Every structure is written in C-alpha cells, then in structure tokens.
Amino acid sequence: MLRCKPEEGRRLLQFTNKPISTISTFLCFSGQNHFQTAFKKQFGITPNEYRRKRL
C-alpha cells in the first residue's frame, strides 16, 4: 500500500497543478515531509524535482 501512494502522487504531480501539501493530505500522509520522503525513496527525486522536470 505504501508504494501505491507515491505512484498516485506522481500521477497527481504530472496531471494537476495541485500543491504538494494538498497532494500529501489527499493521499493521507501524516505530513508533506512524509510524502516527500516516500516519493524520493521510490523515485530517487523529490516531488518538486519531479514536477520541474515534467514541465
């Protein structure tokens, strides 16, 4: 389940302009830092880095 959340976050970062704080809350992470840590662990970059590279 924990691996699914960063994947869904990746999709939201790619296809929406929602703030990372909103995405982390939507995915039921305890905080934005927890989401960023899980995302970086799975993809090797932070959500901010991912979003910048996708633009």
Protein backbone atom coordinates (compact mmCIF):
# COMPACT_ATOMS: atom_id res chain seq x y z
CA MET A 1 0.00 0.00 0.00
CA LEU A 2 2.79 2.44 0.86
CA ARG A 3 4.28 2.00 -2.62
CA CYS A 4 0.92 2.86 -4.24
CA LYS A 5 0.69 6.25 -2.58
CA PRO A 6 3.86 7.72 -4.15
CA GLU A 7 2.76 6.34 -7.54
CA GLU A 8 -0.59 8.10 -7.23
CA GLY A 9 1.26 11.22 -6.08
CA ARG A 10 3.41 11.02 -9.21
CA ARG A 11 0.27 11.00 -11.36
CA LEU A 12 -1.19 13.95 -9.49
CA LEU A 13 2.06 15.90 -9.87
CA GLN A 14 2.10 15.13 -13.56
CA PHE A 15 -1.51 15.85 -14.45
CA THR A 16 -2.60 18.53 -11.95
CA ASN A 17 -1.29 21.81 -10.58
CA LYS A 18 -2.28 20.95 -7.02
CA PRO A 19 0.26 21.99 -4.37
CA ILE A 20 2.38 19.20 -2.91
CA SER A 21 0.86 19.86 0.51
CA THR A 22 -2.62 19.24 -0.93
CA ILE A 23 -1.47 16.05 -2.65
CA SER A 24 0.12 14.71 0.53
CA THR A 25 -3.07 15.40 2.50
CA PHE A 26 -5.24 13.84 -0.24
CA LEU A 27 -3.09 10.68 -0.09
CA CYS A 28 -3.41 10.55 3.73
CA PHE A 29 0.25 11.09 4.53
CA SER A 30 0.83 12.41 8.03
CA GLY A 31 2.55 15.44 6.53
CA GLN A 32 4.21 16.85 3.46
CA ASN A 33 7.66 15.72 4.66
CA HIS A 34 6.45 12.13 4.96
CA PHE A 35 5.14 12.24 1.37
CA GLN A 36 8.38 13.79 0.11
CA THR A 37 10.46 11.11 1.85
CA ALA A 38 8.34 8.24 0.48
CA PHE A 39 8.36 9.78 -3.01
CA LYS A 40 12.13 10.23 -3.02
CA LYS A 41 12.67 6.71 -1.71
CA GLN A 42 10.60 5.26 -4.56
CA PHE A 43 11.63 7.52 -7.46
CA GLY A 44 15.04 8.89 -6.43
CA ILE A 45 13.99 12.56 -6.68
CA THR A 46 11.77 14.86 -4.65
CA PRO A 47 8.25 15.77 -5.77
CA ASN A 48 9.45 19.32 -6.55
CA GLU A 49 12.27 17.99 -8.73
CA TYR A 50 9.85 15.65 -10.49
CA ARG A 51 7.39 18.43 -11.22
CA ARG A 52 10.12 20.74 -12.54
CA LYS A 53 11.42 18.04 -14.89
CA ARG A 54 7.91 17.32 -16.19
CA LEU A 55 7.31 20.95 -17.22
